[in-house]
Amino acid sequence: SGGGLVQPGGSLRLSCVASGSIFSIKHMGWYRQAPGKERELVAVIT
């Protein structure tokens, strides 16, 4: 959640809530994909 329309130079905060077998997760992260482009890694955290 947290996406939207912002002006250049602005800020936005995205959130991700995980549920289920959380104990099995090695890391979590954010990826992004623009139209016509491949999905790319943005950031990861352990």
ModelCIF file with pLDDT and N, C-alpha, C, O atoms, coordinates in Angstrom:
data_MODEL
#
_entry.id   MODEL 
#
_entity.id                         1 
_entity.type                       polymer 
_entity.pdbx_number_of_molecules   1 
#
_entity_poly.entity_id                      1 
_entity_poly.type                           'polypeptide(L)' 
_entity_poly.nstd_linkage                   no 
_entity_poly.nstd_monomer                   no 
_entity_poly.pdbx_seq_one_letter_code       SGGGLVQPGGSLRLSCVASGSIFSIKHMGWYRQAPGKERELVAVIT 
_entity_poly.pdbx_seq_one_letter_code_can   SGGGLVQPGGSLRLSCVASGSIFSIKHMGWYRQAPGKERELVAVIT 
_entity_poly.pdbx_strand_id                 A 
#
loop_
_entity_poly_seq.entity_id 
_entity_poly_seq.num 
_entity_poly_seq.mon_id 
_entity_poly_seq.hetero 
1 1  SER n 
1 2  GLY n 
1 3  GLY n 
1 4  GLY n 
1 5  LEU n 
1 6  VAL n 
1 7  GLN n 
1 8  PRO n 
1 9  GLY n 
1 10 GLY n 
1 11 SER n 
1 12 LEU n 
1 13 ARG n 
1 14 LEU n 
1 15 SER n 
1 16 CYS n 
1 17 VAL n 
1 18 ALA n 
1 19 SER n 
1 20 GLY n 
1 21 SER n 
1 22 ILE n 
1 23 PHE n 
1 24 SER n 
1 25 ILE n 
1 26 LYS n 
1 27 HIS n 
1 28 MET n 
1 29 GLY n 
1 30 TRP n 
1 31 TYR n 
1 32 ARG n 
1 33 GLN n 
1 34 ALA n 
1 35 PRO n 
1 36 GLY n 
1 37 LYS n 
1 38 GLU n 
1 39 ARG n 
1 40 GLU n 
1 41 LEU n 
1 42 VAL n 
1 43 ALA n 
1 44 VAL n 
1 45 ILE n 
1 46 THR n 
#
_struct_asym.id          A 
_struct_asym.entity_id   1 
#
loop_
_ma_qa_metric.id 
_ma_qa_metric.mode 
_ma_qa_metric.name 
_ma_qa_metric.software_group_id 
_ma_qa_metric.type 
1 global pLDDT . pLDDT 
2 local  pLDDT . pLDDT 
#
_ma_qa_metric_global.metric_id      1 
_ma_qa_metric_global.metric_value   93.89 
_ma_qa_metric_global.model_id       1 
_ma_qa_metric_global.ordinal_id     1 
#
loop_
_ma_qa_metric_local.label_asym_id 
_ma_qa_metric_local.label_comp_id 
_ma_qa_metric_local.label_seq_id 
_ma_qa_metric_local.metric_id 
_ma_qa_metric_local.metric_value 
_ma_qa_metric_local.model_id 
_ma_qa_metric_local.ordinal_id 
A SER 1  2 97.00 1 1  
A GLY 2  2 98.00 1 2  
A GLY 3  2 98.00 1 3  
A GLY 4  2 98.00 1 4  
A LEU 5  2 98.00 1 5  
A VAL 6  2 98.00 1 6  
A GLN 7  2 98.00 1 7  
A PRO 8  2 98.00 1 8  
A GLY 9  2 98.00 1 9  
A GLY 10 2 98.00 1 10 
A SER 11 2 98.00 1 11 
A LEU 12 2 98.00 1 12 
A ARG 13 2 98.00 1 13 
A LEU 14 2 98.00 1 14 
A SER 15 2 97.00 1 15 
A CYS 16 2 96.00 1 16 
A VAL 17 2 94.00 1 17 
A ALA 18 2 91.00 1 18 
A SER 19 2 92.00 1 19 
A GLY 20 2 90.00 1 20 
A SER 21 2 84.00 1 21 
A ILE 22 2 81.00 1 22 
A PHE 23 2 79.00 1 23 
A SER 24 2 80.00 1 24 
A ILE 25 2 82.00 1 25 
A LYS 26 2 84.00 1 26 
A HIS 27 2 88.00 1 27 
A MET 28 2 91.00 1 28 
A GLY 29 2 94.00 1 29 
A TRP 30 2 97.00 1 30 
A TYR 31 2 98.00 1 31 
A ARG 32 2 98.00 1 32 
A GLN 33 2 98.00 1 33 
A ALA 34 2 97.00 1 34 
A PRO 35 2 94.00 1 35 
A GLY 36 2 95.00 1 36 
A LYS 37 2 96.00 1 37 
A GLU 38 2 97.00 1 38 
A ARG 39 2 96.00 1 39 
A GLU 40 2 97.00 1 40 
A LEU 41 2 96.00 1 41 
A VAL 42 2 98.00 1 42 
A ALA 43 2 98.00 1 43 
A VAL 44 2 95.00 1 44 
A ILE 45 2 91.00 1 45 
A THR 46 2 84.00 1 46 
#
loop_
_atom_site.group_PDB 
_atom_site.id 
_atom_site.type_symbol 
_atom_site.label_atom_id 
_atom_site.label_alt_id 
_atom_site.label_comp_id 
_atom_site.label_asym_id 
_atom_site.label_entity_id 
_atom_site.label_seq_id 
_atom_site.pdbx_PDB_ins_code 
_atom_site.Cartn_x 
_atom_site.Cartn_y 
_atom_site.Cartn_z 
_atom_site.occupancy 
_atom_site.B_iso_or_equiv 
_atom_site.pdbx_formal_charge 
_atom_site.auth_seq_id 
_atom_site.auth_comp_id 
_atom_site.auth_asym_id 
_atom_site.auth_atom_id 
_atom_site.pdbx_PDB_model_num 
ATOM 1   N N  . SER A 1 1  ? 0.847  -1.180  0.000   1.00 97.00 ? 1  SER A N  1 
ATOM 2   C CA . SER A 1 1  ? 0.000  0.000   0.000   1.00 97.00 ? 1  SER A CA 1 
ATOM 3   C C  . SER A 1 1  ? 0.886  1.235   0.000   1.00 97.00 ? 1  SER A C  1 
ATOM 4   O O  . SER A 1 1  ? 2.085  1.145   0.265   1.00 97.00 ? 1  SER A O  1 
ATOM 5   N N  . GLY A 1 2  ? 0.301  2.377   -0.295  1.00 98.00 ? 2  GLY A N  1 
ATOM 6   C CA . GLY A 1 2  ? 1.013  3.641   -0.203  1.00 98.00 ? 2  GLY A CA 1 
ATOM 7   C C  . GLY A 1 2  ? 1.357  4.298   -1.516  1.00 98.00 ? 2  GLY A C  1 
ATOM 8   O O  . GLY A 1 2  ? 1.869  5.418   -1.525  1.00 98.00 ? 2  GLY A O  1 
ATOM 9   N N  . GLY A 1 3  ? 1.091  3.637   -2.627  1.00 98.00 ? 3  GLY A N  1 
ATOM 10  C CA . GLY A 1 3  ? 1.394  4.235   -3.913  1.00 98.00 ? 3  GLY A CA 1 
ATOM 11  C C  . GLY A 1 3  ? 0.460  5.386   -4.231  1.00 98.00 ? 3  GLY A C  1 
ATOM 12  O O  . GLY A 1 3  ? -0.553 5.585   -3.560  1.00 98.00 ? 3  GLY A O  1 
ATOM 13  N N  . GLY A 1 4  ? 0.810  6.141   -5.258  1.00 98.00 ? 4  GLY A N  1 
ATOM 14  C CA . GLY A 1 4  ? -0.011 7.262   -5.659  1.00 98.00 ? 4  GLY A CA 1 
ATOM 15  C C  . GLY A 1 4  ? 0.708  8.162   -6.624  1.00 98.00 ? 4  GLY A C  1 
ATOM 16  O O  . GLY A 1 4  ? 1.763  7.813   -7.154  1.00 98.00 ? 4  GLY A O  1 
ATOM 17  N N  . LEU A 1 5  ? 0.128  9.337   -6.853  1.00 98.00 ? 5  LEU A N  1 
ATOM 18  C CA . LEU A 1 5  ? 0.684  10.343  -7.745  1.00 98.00 ? 5  LEU A CA 1 
ATOM 19  C C  . LEU A 1 5  ? 1.386  11.418  -6.925  1.00 98.00 ? 5  LEU A C  1 
ATOM 20  O O  . LEU A 1 5  ? 0.797  11.998  -6.012  1.00 98.00 ? 5  LEU A O  1 
ATOM 21  N N  . VAL A 1 6  ? 2.648  11.678  -7.256  1.00 98.00 ? 6  VAL A N  1 
ATOM 22  C CA . VAL A 1 6  ? 3.421  12.693  -6.550  1.00 98.00 ? 6  VAL A CA 1 
ATOM 23  C C  . VAL A 1 6  ? 4.173  13.557  -7.551  1.00 98.00 ? 6  VAL A C  1 
ATOM 24  O O  . VAL A 1 6  ? 4.425  13.141  -8.682  1.00 98.00 ? 6  VAL A O  1 
ATOM 25  N N  . GLN A 1 7  ? 4.529  14.770  -7.123  1.00 98.00 ? 7  GLN A N  1 
ATOM 26  C CA . GLN A 1 7  ? 5.307  15.679  -7.950  1.00 98.00 ? 7  GLN A CA 1 
ATOM 27  C C  . GLN A 1 7  ? 6.787  15.316  -7.916  1.00 98.00 ? 7  GLN A C  1 
ATOM 28  O O  . GLN A 1 7  ? 7.257  14.759  -6.924  1.00 98.00 ? 7  GLN A O  1 
ATOM 29  N N  . PRO A 1 8  ? 7.529  15.617  -8.974  1.00 98.00 ? 8  PRO A N  1 
ATOM 30  C CA . PRO A 1 8  ? 8.983  15.417  -8.920  1.00 98.00 ? 8  PRO A CA 1 
ATOM 31  C C  . PRO A 1 8  ? 9.579  16.136  -7.714  1.00 98.00 ? 8  PRO A C  1 
ATOM 32  O O  . PRO A 1 8  ? 9.224  17.276  -7.416  1.00 98.00 ? 8  PRO A O  1 
ATOM 33  N N  . GLY A 1 9  ? 10.488 15.452  -7.030  1.00 98.00 ? 9  GLY A N  1 
ATOM 34  C CA . GLY A 1 9  ? 11.074 15.985  -5.821  1.00 98.00 ? 9  GLY A CA 1 
ATOM 35  C C  . GLY A 1 9  ? 10.302 15.661  -4.562  1.00 98.00 ? 9  GLY A C  1 
ATOM 36  O O  . GLY A 1 9  ? 10.771 15.928  -3.456  1.00 98.00 ? 9  GLY A O  1 
ATOM 37  N N  . GLY A 1 10 ? 9.128  15.091  -4.719  1.00 98.00 ? 10 GLY A N  1 
ATOM 38  C CA . GLY A 1 10 ? 8.295  14.745  -3.590  1.00 98.00 ? 10 GLY A CA 1 
ATOM 39  C C  . GLY A 1 10 ? 8.689  13.435  -2.944  1.00 98.00 ? 10 GLY A C  1 
ATOM 40  O O  . GLY A 1 10 ? 9.667  12.798  -3.337  1.00 98.00 ? 10 GLY A O  1 
ATOM 41  N N  . SER A 1 11 ? 7.912  13.039  -1.943  1.00 98.00 ? 11 SER A N  1 
ATOM 42  C CA . SER A 1 11 ? 8.194  11.836  -1.177  1.00 98.00 ? 11 SER A CA 1 
ATOM 43  C C  . SER A 1 11 ? 6.964  10.950  -1.096  1.00 98.00 ? 11 SER A C  1 
ATOM 44  O O  . SER A 1 11 ? 5.830  11.415  -1.208  1.00 98.00 ? 11 SER A O  1 
ATOM 45  N N  . LEU A 1 12 ? 7.215  9.668   -0.898  1.00 98.00 ? 12 LEU A N  1 
ATOM 46  C CA . LEU A 1 12 ? 6.152  8.693   -0.761  1.00 98.00 ? 12 LEU A CA 1 
ATOM 47  C C  . LEU A 1 12 ? 6.673  7.549   0.092   1.00 98.00 ? 12 LEU A C  1 
ATOM 48  O O  . LEU A 1 12 ? 7.852  7.204   0.020   1.00 98.00 ? 12 LEU A O  1 
ATOM 49  N N  . ARG A 1 13 ? 5.802  6.963   0.898   1.00 98.00 ? 13 ARG A N  1 
ATOM 50  C CA . ARG A 1 13 ? 6.184  5.840   1.741   1.00 98.00 ? 13 ARG A CA 1 
ATOM 51  C C  . ARG A 1 13 ? 5.313  4.637   1.424   1.00 98.00 ? 13 ARG A C  1 
ATOM 52  O O  . ARG A 1 13 ? 4.092  4.688   1.569   1.00 98.00 ? 13 ARG A O  1 
ATOM 53  N N  . LEU A 1 14 ? 5.945  3.557   0.991   1.00 98.00 ? 14 LEU A N  1 
ATOM 54  C CA . LEU A 1 14 ? 5.250  2.317   0.701   1.00 98.00 ? 14 LEU A CA 1 
ATOM 55  C C  . LEU A 1 14 ? 5.338  1.376   1.898   1.00 98.00 ? 14 LEU A C  1 
ATOM 56  O O  . LEU A 1 14 ? 6.331  1.367   2.626   1.00 98.00 ? 14 LEU A O  1 
ATOM 57  N N  . SER A 1 15 ? 4.288  0.586   2.090   1.00 97.00 ? 15 SER A N  1 
ATOM 58  C CA . SER A 1 15 ? 4.256  -0.397  3.161   1.00 97.00 ? 15 SER A CA 1 
ATOM 59  C C  . SER A 1 15 ? 3.913  -1.763  2.593   1.00 97.00 ? 15 SER A C  1 
ATOM 60  O O  . SER A 1 15 ? 3.184  -1.871  1.607   1.00 97.00 ? 15 SER A O  1 
ATOM 61  N N  . CYS A 1 16 ? 4.443  -2.806  3.224   1.00 96.00 ? 16 CYS A N  1 
ATOM 62  C CA . CYS A 1 16 ? 4.152  -4.176  2.830   1.00 96.00 ? 16 CYS A CA 1 
ATOM 63  C C  . CYS A 1 16 ? 3.953  -5.012  4.077   1.00 96.00 ? 16 CYS A C  1 
ATOM 64  O O  . CYS A 1 16 ? 4.842  -5.107  4.924   1.00 96.00 ? 16 CYS A O  1 
ATOM 65  N N  . VAL A 1 17 ? 2.780  -5.618  4.186   1.00 94.00 ? 17 VAL A N  1 
ATOM 66  C CA . VAL A 1 17 ? 2.461  -6.484  5.313   1.00 94.00 ? 17 VAL A CA 1 
ATOM 67  C C  . VAL A 1 17 ? 2.507  -7.939  4.853   1.00 94.00 ? 17 VAL A C  1 
ATOM 68  O O  . VAL A 1 17 ? 1.873  -8.304  3.863   1.00 94.00 ? 17 VAL A O  1 
ATOM 69  N N  . ALA A 1 18 ? 3.257  -8.762  5.574   1.00 91.00 ? 18 ALA A N  1 
ATOM 70  C CA . ALA A 1 18 ? 3.381  -10.175 5.257   1.00 91.00 ? 18 ALA A CA 1 
ATOM 71  C C  . ALA A 1 18 ? 2.600  -11.014 6.259   1.00 91.00 ? 18 ALA A C  1 
ATOM 72  O O  . ALA A 1 18 ? 2.545  -10.694 7.446   1.00 91.00 ? 18 ALA A O  1 
ATOM 73  N N  . SER A 1 19 ? 2.001  -12.083 5.769   1.00 92.00 ? 19 SER A N  1 
ATOM 74  C CA . SER A 1 19 ? 1.302  -13.014 6.634   1.00 92.00 ? 19 SER A CA 1 
ATOM 75  C C  . SER A 1 19 ? 1.535  -14.437 6.126   1.00 92.00 ? 19 SER A C  1 
ATOM 76  O O  . SER A 1 19 ? 1.885  -14.634 4.963   1.00 92.00 ? 19 SER A O  1 
ATOM 77  N N  . GLY A 1 20 ? 1.342  -15.421 6.996   1.00 90.00 ? 20 GLY A N  1 
ATOM 78  C CA . GLY A 1 20 ? 1.575  -16.801 6.644   1.00 90.00 ? 20 GLY A CA 1 
ATOM 79  C C  . GLY A 1 20 ? 2.808  -17.346 7.333   1.00 90.00 ? 20 GLY A C  1 
ATOM 80  O O  . GLY A 1 20 ? 3.041  -17.090 8.514   1.00 90.00 ? 20 GLY A O  1 
ATOM 81  N N  . SER A 1 21 ? 3.600  -18.103 6.579   1.00 84.00 ? 21 SER A N  1 
ATOM 82  C CA . SER A 1 21 ? 4.795  -18.752 7.127   1.00 84.00 ? 21 SER A CA 1 
ATOM 83  C C  . SER A 1 21 ? 5.972  -17.790 7.135   1.00 84.00 ? 21 SER A C  1 
ATOM 84  O O  . SER A 1 21 ? 6.953  -17.981 6.417   1.00 84.00 ? 21 SER A O  1 
ATOM 85  N N  . ILE A 1 22 ? 5.862  -16.761 7.952   1.00 81.00 ? 22 ILE A N  1 
ATOM 86  C CA . ILE A 1 22 ? 6.878  -15.713 7.990   1.00 81.00 ? 22 ILE A CA 1 
ATOM 87  C C  . ILE A 1 22 ? 8.227  -16.249 8.453   1.00 81.00 ? 22 ILE A C  1 
ATOM 88  O O  . ILE A 1 22 ? 9.268  -15.723 8.062   1.00 81.00 ? 22 ILE A O  1 
ATOM 89  N N  . PHE A 1 23 ? 8.220  -17.284 9.277   1.00 79.00 ? 23 PHE A N  1 
ATOM 90  C CA . PHE A 1 23 ? 9.463  -17.830 9.812   1.00 79.00 ? 23 PHE A CA 1 
ATOM 91  C C  . PHE A 1 23 ? 10.388 -18.380 8.733   1.00 79.00 ? 23 PHE A C  1 
ATOM 92  O O  . PHE A 1 23 ? 11.587 -18.538 8.960   1.00 79.00 ? 23 PHE A O  1 
ATOM 93  N N  . SER A 1 24 ? 9.832  -18.670 7.564   1.00 80.00 ? 24 SER A N  1 
ATOM 94  C CA . SER A 1 24 ? 10.620 -19.249 6.483   1.00 80.00 ? 24 SER A CA 1 
ATOM 95  C C  . SER A 1 24 ? 11.304 -18.200 5.605   1.00 80.00 ? 24 SER A C  1 
ATOM 96  O O  . SER A 1 24 ? 12.124 -18.550 4.755   1.00 80.00 ? 24 SER A O  1 
ATOM 97  N N  . ILE A 1 25 ? 10.984 -16.941 5.796   1.00 82.00 ? 25 ILE A N  1 
ATOM 98  C CA . ILE A 1 25 ? 11.497 -15.883 4.931   1.00 82.00 ? 25 ILE A CA 1 
ATOM 99  C C  . ILE A 1 25 ? 12.956 -15.583 5.235   1.00 82.00 ? 25 ILE A C  1 
ATOM 100 O O  . ILE A 1 25 ? 13.337 -15.391 6.390   1.00 82.00 ? 25 ILE A O  1 
ATOM 101 N N  . LYS A 1 26 ? 13.770 -15.545 4.178   1.00 84.00 ? 26 LYS A N  1 
ATOM 102 C CA . LYS A 1 26 ? 15.179 -15.208 4.313   1.00 84.00 ? 26 LYS A CA 1 
ATOM 103 C C  . LYS A 1 26 ? 15.409 -13.706 4.213   1.00 84.00 ? 26 LYS A C  1 
ATOM 104 O O  . LYS A 1 26 ? 16.235 -13.147 4.935   1.00 84.00 ? 26 LYS A O  1 
ATOM 105 N N  . HIS A 1 27 ? 14.688 -13.068 3.330   1.00 88.00 ? 27 HIS A N  1 
ATOM 106 C CA . HIS A 1 27 ? 14.785 -11.620 3.187   1.00 88.00 ? 27 HIS A CA 1 
ATOM 107 C C  . HIS A 1 27 ? 13.521 -11.084 2.541   1.00 88.00 ? 27 HIS A C  1 
ATOM 108 O O  . HIS A 1 27 ? 12.758 -11.824 1.920   1.00 88.00 ? 27 HIS A O  1 
ATOM 109 N N  . MET A 1 28 ? 13.318 -9.800  2.698   1.00 91.00 ? 28 MET A N  1 
ATOM 110 C CA . MET A 1 28 ? 12.208 -9.119  2.052   1.00 91.00 ? 28 MET A CA 1 
ATOM 111 C C  . MET A 1 28 ? 12.752 -7.930  1.282   1.00 91.00 ? 28 MET A C  1 
ATOM 112 O O  . MET A 1 28 ? 13.806 -7.386  1.610   1.00 91.00 ? 28 MET A O  1 
ATOM 113 N N  . GLY A 1 29 ? 12.023 -7.541  0.266   1.00 94.00 ? 29 GLY A N  1 
ATOM 114 C CA . GLY A 1 29 ? 12.503 -6.430  -0.521  1.00 94.00 ? 29 GLY A CA 1 
ATOM 115 C C  . GLY A 1 29 ? 11.438 -5.819  -1.392  1.00 94.00 ? 29 GLY A C  1 
ATOM 116 O O  . GLY A 1 29 ? 10.276 -6.225  -1.390  1.00 94.00 ? 29 GLY A O  1 
ATOM 117 N N  . TRP A 1 30 ? 11.877 -4.826  -2.137  1.00 97.00 ? 30 TRP A N  1 
ATOM 118 C CA . TRP A 1 30 ? 11.018 -4.113  -3.070  1.00 97.00 ? 30 TRP A CA 1 
ATOM 119 C C  . TRP A 1 30 ? 11.589 -4.196  -4.476  1.00 97.00 ? 30 TRP A C  1 
ATOM 120 O O  . TRP A 1 30 ? 12.786 -3.997  -4.688  1.00 97.00 ? 30 TRP A O  1 
ATOM 121 N N  . TYR A 1 31 ? 10.721 -4.490  -5.430  1.00 98.00 ? 31 TYR A N  1 
ATOM 122 C CA . TYR A 1 31 ? 11.047 -4.465  -6.843  1.00 98.00 ? 31 TYR A CA 1 
ATOM 123 C C  . TYR A 1 31 ? 10.107 -3.490  -7.531  1.00 98.00 ? 31 TYR A C  1 
ATOM 124 O O  . TYR A 1 31 ? 9.081  -3.103  -6.972  1.00 98.00 ? 31 TYR A O  1 
ATOM 125 N N  . ARG A 1 32 ? 10.462 -3.099  -8.737  1.00 98.00 ? 32 ARG A N  1 
ATOM 126 C CA . ARG A 1 32 ? 9.563  -2.251  -9.512  1.00 98.00 ? 32 ARG A CA 1 
ATOM 127 C C  . ARG A 1 32 ? 9.626  -2.638  -10.980 1.00 98.00 ? 32 ARG A C  1 
ATOM 128 O O  . ARG A 1 32 ? 10.626 -3.174  -11.458 1.00 98.00 ? 32 ARG A O  1 
ATOM 129 N N  . GLN A 1 33 ? 8.538  -2.357  -11.681 1.00 98.00 ? 33 GLN A N  1 
ATOM 130 C CA . GLN A 1 33 ? 8.466  -2.656  -13.097 1.00 98.00 ? 33 GLN A CA 1 
ATOM 131 C C  . GLN A 1 33 ? 7.702  -1.546  -13.810 1.00 98.00 ? 33 GLN A C  1 
ATOM 132 O O  . GLN A 1 33 ? 6.534  -1.289  -13.521 1.00 98.00 ? 33 GLN A O  1 
ATOM 133 N N  . ALA A 1 34 ? 8.381  -0.902  -14.741 1.00 97.00 ? 34 ALA A N  1 
ATOM 134 C CA . ALA A 1 34 ? 7.777  0.129   -15.569 1.00 97.00 ? 34 ALA A CA 1 
ATOM 135 C C  . ALA A 1 34 ? 7.297  -0.502  -16.870 1.00 97.00 ? 34 ALA A C  1 
ATOM 136 O O  . ALA A 1 34 ? 7.802  -1.554  -17.262 1.00 97.00 ? 34 ALA A O  1 
ATOM 137 N N  . PRO A 1 35 ? 6.328  0.121   -17.551 1.00 94.00 ? 35 PRO A N  1 
ATOM 138 C CA . PRO A 1 35 ? 5.823  -0.436  -18.807 1.00 94.00 ? 35 PRO A CA 1 
ATOM 139 C C  . PRO A 1 35 ? 6.936  -0.675  -19.817 1.00 94.00 ? 35 PRO A C  1 
ATOM 140 O O  . PRO A 1 35 ? 7.753  0.210   -20.073 1.00 94.00 ? 35 PRO A O  1 
ATOM 141 N N  . GLY A 1 36 ? 6.965  -1.875  -20.390 1.00 95.00 ? 36 GLY A N  1 
ATOM 142 C CA . GLY A 1 36 ? 7.956  -2.214  -21.391 1.00 95.00 ? 36 GLY A CA 1 
ATOM 143 C C  . GLY A 1 36 ? 9.331  -2.522  -20.851 1.00 95.00 ? 36 GLY A C  1 
ATOM 144 O O  . GLY A 1 36 ? 10.258 -2.747  -21.629 1.00 95.00 ? 36 GLY A O  1 
ATOM 145 N N  . LYS A 1 37 ? 9.492  -2.540  -19.537 1.00 96.00 ? 37 LYS A N  1 
ATOM 146 C CA . LYS A 1 37 ? 10.787 -2.810  -18.931 1.00 96.00 ? 37 LYS A CA 1 
ATOM 147 C C  . LYS A 1 37 ? 10.714 -4.034  -18.026 1.00 96.00 ? 37 LYS A C  1 
ATOM 148 O O  . LYS A 1 37 ? 9.637  -4.442  -17.590 1.00 96.00 ? 37 LYS A O  1 
ATOM 149 N N  . GLU A 1 38 ? 11.878 -4.609  -17.754 1.00 97.00 ? 38 GLU A N  1 
ATOM 150 C CA . GLU A 1 38 ? 11.943 -5.764  -16.874 1.00 97.00 ? 38 GLU A CA 1 
ATOM 151 C C  . GLU A 1 38 ? 11.794 -5.344  -15.419 1.00 97.00 ? 38 GLU A C  1 
ATOM 152 O O  . GLU A 1 38 ? 12.097 -4.211  -15.044 1.00 97.00 ? 38 GLU A O  1 
ATOM 153 N N  . ARG A 1 39 ? 11.325 -6.278  -14.618 1.00 96.00 ? 39 ARG A N  1 
ATOM 154 C CA . ARG A 1 39 ? 11.261 -6.055  -13.183 1.00 96.00 ? 39 ARG A CA 1 
ATOM 155 C C  . ARG A 1 39 ? 12.676 -5.899  -12.632 1.00 96.00 ? 39 ARG A C  1 
ATOM 156 O O  . ARG A 1 39 ? 13.562 -6.682  -12.973 1.00 96.00 ? 39 ARG A O  1 
ATOM 157 N N  . GLU A 1 40 ? 12.893 -4.904  -11.790 1.00 97.00 ? 40 GLU A N  1 
ATOM 158 C CA . GLU A 1 40 ? 14.214 -4.653  -11.258 1.00 97.00 ? 40 GLU A CA 1 
ATOM 159 C C  . GLU A 1 40 ? 14.182 -4.538  -9.741  1.00 97.00 ? 40 GLU A C  1 
ATOM 160 O O  . GLU A 1 40 ? 13.196 -4.099  -9.149  1.00 97.00 ? 40 GLU A O  1 
ATOM 161 N N  . LEU A 1 41 ? 15.280 -4.943  -9.136  1.00 96.00 ? 41 LEU A N  1 
ATOM 162 C CA . LEU A 1 41 ? 15.426 -4.847  -7.692  1.00 96.00 ? 41 LEU A CA 1 
ATOM 163 C C  . LEU A 1 41 ? 15.622 -3.399  -7.278  1.00 96.00 ? 41 LEU A C  1 
ATOM 164 O O  . LEU A 1 41 ? 16.409 -2.672  -7.884  1.00 96.00 ? 41 LEU A O  1 
ATOM 165 N N  . VAL A 1 42 ? 14.905 -2.987  -6.246  1.00 98.00 ? 42 VAL A N  1 
ATOM 166 C CA . VAL A 1 42 ? 15.048 -1.643  -5.690  1.00 98.00 ? 42 VAL A CA 1 
ATOM 167 C C  . VAL A 1 42 ? 15.823 -1.685  -4.384  1.00 98.00 ? 42 VAL A C  1 
ATOM 168 O O  . VAL A 1 42 ? 16.811 -0.968  -4.223  1.00 98.00 ? 42 VAL A O  1 
ATOM 169 N N  . ALA A 1 43 ? 15.383 -2.519  -3.453  1.00 98.00 ? 43 ALA A N  1 
ATOM 170 C CA . ALA A 1 43 ? 16.023 -2.607  -2.142  1.00 98.00 ? 43 ALA A CA 1 
ATOM 171 C C  . ALA A 1 43 ? 15.640 -3.910  -1.474  1.00 98.00 ? 43 ALA A C  1 
ATOM 172 O O  . ALA A 1 43 ? 14.555 -4.440  -1.711  1.00 98.00 ? 43 ALA A O  1 
ATOM 173 N N  . VAL A 1 44 ? 16.534 -4.433  -0.630  1.00 95.00 ? 44 VAL A N  1 
ATOM 174 C CA . VAL A 1 44 ? 16.266 -5.635  0.150   1.00 95.00 ? 44 VAL A CA 1 
ATOM 175 C C  . VAL A 1 44 ? 16.731 -5.418  1.576   1.00 95.00 ? 44 VAL A C  1 
ATOM 176 O O  . VAL A 1 44 ? 17.616 -4.604  1.836   1.00 95.00 ? 44 VAL A O  1 
ATOM 177 N N  . ILE A 1 45 ? 16.123 -6.159  2.505   1.00 91.00 ? 45 ILE A N  1 
ATOM 178 C CA . ILE A 1 45 ? 16.499 -6.105  3.908   1.00 91.00 ? 45 ILE A CA 1 
ATOM 179 C C  . ILE A 1 45 ? 16.358 -7.496  4.506   1.00 91.00 ? 45 ILE A C  1 
ATOM 180 O O  . ILE A 1 45 ? 15.428 -8.229  4.172   1.00 91.00 ? 45 ILE A O  1 
ATOM 181 N N  . THR A 1 46 ? 17.285 -7.860  5.394   1.00 84.00 ? 46 THR A N  1 
ATOM 182 C CA . THR A 1 46 ? 17.245 -9.140  6.087   1.00 84.00 ? 46 THR A CA 1 
ATOM 183 C C  . THR A 1 46 ? 16.828 -8.925  7.530   1.00 84.00 ? 46 THR A C  1 
ATOM 184 O O  . THR A 1 46 ? 16.731 -9.885  8.295   1.00 84.00 ? 46 THR A O  1 
#
